Amino acid sequence: MVIELLLAAALHVDPDAGNNKFSATFDAPLGERIEAVSSAVNCDLTYDDKAGAVSGNCSVPLTSIMVDNEPTKTEHFQQWATNKKSEPKECRIEAKIDGLKVDPPALSATPSKISGEVPFTVCGRPRSDGKKEKLSGNAMMLPDGRIRVRA
């Protein structure tokens, strides 16, 4: 058990630090595309260097998300996300990450690729078709020993 703890690195993203970013593109069936951004990402992840994988949870409060930098679109997005059945301040977009592969698995100053499929929920609801979202990015070890993940 002690060996496993030494091989796994706990990673936390502080939503109040302001040095993180959520950016997502939503494509509607009718062809509309919106860009949603927030700087209030909260993540608790574990990196297992033996398995070369990242696991954990990330979330973004709905009220922190700005859509196309327009207040009206942001309000409409909140109405869509909540189905007008709950308060936006009680809603989050969440991702449950389980064994997302890192290649190469040994983190260094050279970025390693991260990719896989991840289930997301919006206000606690999964996709109606049950599918997962594609997630890709990179991870690297910073000179001070911290790990930077961009996905």
C-alpha atoms as a PDB file:
ATOM      1  CA  MET A   1       0.000   0.000   0.000  1.00  0.00           C
ATOM      2  CA  VAL A   2       2.798   2.434   0.814  1.00  0.00           C
ATOM      3  CA  ILE A   3       4.440   1.761  -2.559  1.00  0.00           C
ATOM      4  CA  GLU A   4       1.206   2.592  -4.404  1.00  0.00           C
ATOM      5  CA  LEU A   5       0.929   5.894  -2.574  1.00  0.00           C
ATOM      6  CA  LEU A   6       4.478   6.811  -3.498  1.00  0.00           C
ATOM      7  CA  LEU A   7       3.844   6.053  -7.167  1.00  0.00           C
ATOM      8  CA  ALA A   8       0.622   8.031  -7.383  1.00  0.00           C
ATOM      9  CA  ALA A   9       0.651  11.818  -7.422  1.00  0.00           C
ATOM     10  CA  ALA A  10      -2.371  13.731  -6.133  1.00  0.00           C
ATOM     11  CA  LEU A  11      -3.209  16.780  -8.240  1.00  0.00           C
ATOM     12  CA  HIS A  12      -5.593  19.567  -7.249  1.00  0.00           C
ATOM     13  CA  VAL A  13      -6.803  22.559  -9.246  1.00  0.00           C
ATOM     14  CA  ASP A  14      -8.062  25.400  -7.065  1.00  0.00           C
ATOM     15  CA  PRO A  15     -11.131  27.066  -8.634  1.00  0.00           C
ATOM     16  CA  ASP A  16     -10.374  30.345  -6.840  1.00  0.00           C
ATOM     17  CA  ALA A  17      -6.762  30.609  -8.013  1.00  0.00           C
ATOM     18  CA  GLY A  18      -7.755  32.027 -11.396  1.00  0.00           C
ATOM     19  CA  ASN A  19      -4.881  30.313 -13.182  1.00  0.00           C
ATOM     20  CA  ASN A  20      -7.007  27.656 -14.843  1.00  0.00           C
ATOM     21  CA  LYS A  21      -9.353  27.677 -17.800  1.00  0.00           C
ATOM     22  CA  PHE A  22     -12.377  25.748 -18.993  1.00  0.00           C
ATOM     23  CA  SER A  23     -13.114  26.114 -22.686  1.00  0.00           C
ATOM     24  CA  ALA A  24     -15.733  24.045 -24.497  1.00  0.00           C
ATOM     25  CA  THR A  25     -17.422  24.094 -27.864  1.00  0.00           C
ATOM     26  CA  PHE A  26     -21.050  23.037 -28.058  1.00  0.00           C
ATOM     27  CA  ASP A  27     -22.455  22.116 -31.467  1.00  0.00           C
ATOM     28  CA  ALA A  28     -26.238  22.134 -31.796  1.00  0.00           C
ATOM     29  CA  PRO A  29     -28.039  19.837 -34.262  1.00  0.00           C
ATOM     30  CA  LEU A  30     -29.294  22.909 -36.153  1.00  0.00           C
ATOM     31  CA  GLY A  31     -25.745  24.067 -36.833  1.00  0.00           C
ATOM     32  CA  GLU A  32     -25.276  26.663 -34.111  1.00  0.00           C
ATOM     33  CA  ARG A  33     -21.915  26.546 -32.379  1.00  0.00           C
ATOM     34  CA  ILE A  34     -21.110  28.287 -29.111  1.00  0.00           C
ATOM     35  CA  GLU A  35     -17.909  28.730 -27.140  1.00  0.00           C
ATOM     36  CA  ALA A  36     -18.214  28.479 -23.354  1.00  0.00           C
ATOM     37  CA  VAL A  37     -15.381  29.626 -21.059  1.00  0.00           C
ATOM     38  CA  SER A  38     -14.731  29.830 -17.321  1.00  0.00           C
ATOM     39  CA  SER A  39     -11.760  30.281 -15.000  1.00  0.00           C
ATOM     40  CA  ALA A  40     -13.355  28.476 -12.043  1.00  0.00           C
ATOM     41  CA  VAL A  41     -12.252  24.894 -12.714  1.00  0.00           C
ATOM     42  CA  ASN A  42     -12.078  22.575  -9.704  1.00  0.00           C
ATOM     43  CA  CYS A  43     -10.223  19.273 -10.183  1.00  0.00           C
ATOM     44  CA  ASP A  44      -9.035  16.525  -7.897  1.00  0.00           C
ATOM     45  CA  LEU A  45      -6.963  14.083  -9.925  1.00  0.00           C
ATOM     46  CA  THR A  46      -4.524  11.283  -9.306  1.00  0.00           C
ATOM     47  CA  TYR A  47      -1.671  10.492 -11.668  1.00  0.00           C
ATOM     48  CA  ASP A  48      -0.472   6.897 -11.522  1.00  0.00           C
ATOM     49  CA  ASP A  49       2.953   6.775 -13.158  1.00  0.00           C
ATOM     50  CA  LYS A  50       2.991   2.942 -13.098  1.00  0.00           C
ATOM     51  CA  ALA A  51      -0.210   2.732 -15.138  1.00  0.00           C
ATOM     52  CA  GLY A  52       0.487   5.964 -17.020  1.00  0.00           C
ATOM     53  CA  ALA A  53      -3.041   7.175 -16.332  1.00  0.00           C
ATOM     54  CA  VAL A  54      -4.973  10.053 -14.783  1.00  0.00           C
ATOM     55  CA  SER A  55      -8.184   9.550 -12.780  1.00  0.00           C
ATOM     56  CA  GLY A  56     -10.434  11.834 -10.761  1.00  0.00           C
ATOM     57  CA  ASN A  57     -13.134  14.471 -11.053  1.00  0.00           C
ATOM     58  CA  CYS A  58     -13.350  17.983 -12.472  1.00  0.00           C
ATOM     59  CA  SER A  59     -16.225  20.443 -12.296  1.00  0.00           C
ATOM     60  CA  VAL A  60     -17.140  23.972 -13.329  1.00  0.00           C
ATOM     61  CA  PRO A  61     -20.010  25.953 -11.765  1.00  0.00           C
ATOM     62  CA  LEU A  62     -22.591  26.866 -14.393  1.00  0.00           C
ATOM     63  CA  THR A  63     -22.766  30.478 -13.205  1.00  0.00           C
ATOM     64  CA  SER A  64     -19.035  30.932 -13.875  1.00  0.00           C
ATOM     65  CA  ILE A  65     -19.403  30.068 -17.575  1.00  0.00           C
ATOM     66  CA  MET A  66     -19.610  32.871 -20.146  1.00  0.00           C
ATOM     67  CA  VAL A  67     -20.947  31.973 -23.601  1.00  0.00           C
ATOM     68  CA  ASP A  68     -19.549  33.776 -26.655  1.00  0.00           C
ATOM     69  CA  ASN A  69     -18.797  36.677 -24.296  1.00  0.00           C
ATOM     70  CA  GLU A  70     -22.478  37.665 -24.481  1.00  0.00           C
ATOM     71  CA  PRO A  71     -24.763  37.930 -21.422  1.00  0.00           C
ATOM     72  CA  THR A  72     -27.899  36.948 -23.390  1.00  0.00           C
ATOM     73  CA  LYS A  73     -26.306  33.771 -24.774  1.00  0.00           C
ATOM     74  CA  THR A  74     -24.954  33.002 -21.307  1.00  0.00           C
ATOM     75  CA  GLU A  75     -28.447  33.281 -19.820  1.00  0.00           C
ATOM     76  CA  HIS A  76     -29.893  31.064 -22.570  1.00  0.00           C
ATOM     77  CA  PHE A  77     -27.138  28.499 -21.937  1.00  0.00           C
ATOM     78  CA  GLN A  78     -28.032  28.458 -18.238  1.00  0.00           C
ATOM     79  CA  GLN A  79     -31.702  27.924 -19.111  1.00  0.00           C
ATOM     80  CA  TRP A  80     -30.768  25.053 -21.448  1.00  0.00           C
ATOM     81  CA  ALA A  81     -28.447  23.456 -18.882  1.00  0.00           C
ATOM     82  CA  THR A  82     -31.004  23.565 -16.071  1.00  0.00           C
ATOM     83  CA  ASN A  83     -34.072  22.860 -18.250  1.00  0.00           C
ATOM     84  CA  LYS A  84     -35.497  25.801 -16.300  1.00  0.00           C
ATOM     85  CA  LYS A  85     -36.103  23.328 -13.447  1.00  0.00           C
ATOM     86  CA  SER A  86     -33.357  24.369 -11.046  1.00  0.00           C
ATOM     87  CA  GLU A  87     -31.303  27.389 -10.112  1.00  0.00           C
ATOM     88  CA  PRO A  88     -28.143  27.910 -12.219  1.00  0.00           C
ATOM     89  CA  LYS A  89     -26.088  28.497  -9.050  1.00  0.00           C
ATOM     90  CA  GLU A  90     -26.837  24.884  -8.007  1.00  0.00           C
ATOM     91  CA  CYS A  91     -25.616  23.436 -11.310  1.00  0.00           C
ATOM     92  CA  ARG A  92     -22.201  22.210 -12.479  1.00  0.00           C
ATOM     93  CA  ILE A  93     -20.653  20.711 -15.562  1.00  0.00           C
ATOM     94  CA  GLU A  94     -18.735  17.691 -14.289  1.00  0.00           C
ATOM     95  CA  ALA A  95     -16.337  15.143 -15.747  1.00  0.00           C
ATOM     96  CA  LYS A  96     -15.435  11.811 -14.179  1.00  0.00           C
ATOM     97  CA  ILE A  97     -12.014  10.792 -15.429  1.00  0.00           C
ATOM     98  CA  ASP A  98     -11.110   7.134 -15.055  1.00  0.00           C
ATOM     99  CA  GLY A  99      -7.795   5.830 -16.356  1.00  0.00           C
ATOM    100  CA  LEU A 100      -7.187   8.491 -19.008  1.00  0.00           C
ATOM    101  CA  LYS A 101      -3.972   7.353 -20.709  1.00  0.00           C
ATOM    102  CA  VAL A 102      -0.809   9.465 -20.732  1.00  0.00           C
ATOM    103  CA  ASP A 103       1.704   8.789 -23.551  1.00  0.00           C
ATOM    104  CA  PRO A 104       4.566   8.547 -22.810  1.00  0.00           C
ATOM    105  CA  PRO A 105       3.615   7.686 -19.221  1.00  0.00           C
ATOM    106  CA  ALA A 106       6.771   9.106 -17.607  1.00  0.00           C
ATOM    107  CA  LEU A 107       6.146  12.831 -17.141  1.00  0.00           C
ATOM    108  CA  SER A 108       9.043  15.145 -17.937  1.00  0.00           C
ATOM    109  CA  ALA A 109       9.644  18.652 -19.289  1.00  0.00           C
ATOM    110  CA  THR A 110       8.512  17.326 -22.675  1.00  0.00           C
ATOM    111  CA  PRO A 111       4.691  17.205 -22.910  1.00  0.00           C
ATOM    112  CA  SER A 112       3.021  13.788 -22.830  1.00  0.00           C
ATOM    113  CA  LYS A 113      -0.242  13.346 -24.733  1.00  0.00           C
ATOM    114  CA  ILE A 114      -3.472  12.633 -22.869  1.00  0.00           C
ATOM    115  CA  SER A 115      -6.464  11.195 -24.666  1.00  0.00           C
ATOM    116  CA  GLY A 116      -9.575   9.151 -24.123  1.00  0.00           C
ATOM    117  CA  GLU A 117     -13.315   9.312 -23.697  1.00  0.00           C
ATOM    118  CA  VAL A 118     -14.828  10.806 -20.562  1.00  0.00           C
ATOM    119  CA  PRO A 119     -18.414  10.917 -19.273  1.00  0.00           C
ATOM    120  CA  PHE A 120     -19.642  14.462 -18.610  1.00  0.00           C
ATOM    121  CA  THR A 121     -22.779  15.525 -16.792  1.00  0.00           C
ATOM    122  CA  VAL A 122     -24.596  18.847 -17.016  1.00  0.00           C
ATOM    123  CA  CYS A 123     -26.543  19.655 -13.853  1.00  0.00           C
ATOM    124  CA  GLY A 124     -26.257  15.984 -12.914  1.00  0.00           C
ATOM    125  CA  ARG A 125     -27.641  14.725 -16.242  1.00  0.00           C
ATOM    126  CA  PRO A 126     -25.510  12.590 -18.582  1.00  0.00           C
ATOM    127  CA  ARG A 127     -25.814  12.737 -22.363  1.00  0.00           C
ATOM    128  CA  SER A 128     -29.189  11.409 -23.492  1.00  0.00           C
ATOM    129  CA  ASP A 129     -27.489   8.979 -25.901  1.00  0.00           C
ATOM    130  CA  GLY A 130     -25.153   7.650 -23.175  1.00  0.00           C
ATOM    131  CA  LYS A 131     -22.015   8.468 -25.169  1.00  0.00           C
ATOM    132  CA  LYS A 132     -18.839   9.946 -23.744  1.00  0.00           C
ATOM    133  CA  GLU A 133     -16.993  13.070 -24.860  1.00  0.00           C
ATOM    134  CA  LYS A 134     -13.551  12.934 -26.448  1.00  0.00           C
ATOM    135  CA  LEU A 135     -10.900  14.541 -24.282  1.00  0.00           C
ATOM    136  CA  SER A 136      -7.351  15.239 -25.403  1.00  0.00           C
ATOM    137  CA  GLY A 137      -4.483  17.377 -24.246  1.00  0.00           C
ATOM    138  CA  ASN A 138      -1.078  17.096 -22.637  1.00  0.00           C
ATOM    139  CA  ALA A 139       0.661  16.853 -19.280  1.00  0.00           C
ATOM    140  CA  MET A 140       4.187  17.786 -18.315  1.00  0.00           C
ATOM    141  CA  MET A 141       6.413  18.133 -15.270  1.00  0.00           C
ATOM    142  CA  LEU A 142       7.319  21.743 -14.489  1.00  0.00           C
ATOM    143  CA  PRO A 143      10.812  22.652 -13.198  1.00  0.00           C
ATOM    144  CA  ASP A 144       9.450  23.117  -9.652  1.00  0.00           C
ATOM    145  CA  GLY A 145       7.963  19.583  -9.624  1.00  0.00           C
ATOM    146  CA  ARG A 146       4.347  20.575 -10.214  1.00  0.00           C
ATOM    147  CA  ILE A 147       2.445  18.837 -12.994  1.00  0.00           C
ATOM    148  CA  ARG A 148       0.645  20.946 -15.605  1.00  0.00           C
ATOM    149  CA  VAL A 149      -2.312  19.347 -17.375  1.00  0.00           C
ATOM    150  CA  ARG A 150      -3.936  20.933 -20.413  1.00  0.00           C
ATOM    151  CA  ALA A 151      -6.932  19.098 -21.788  1.00  0.00           C
END
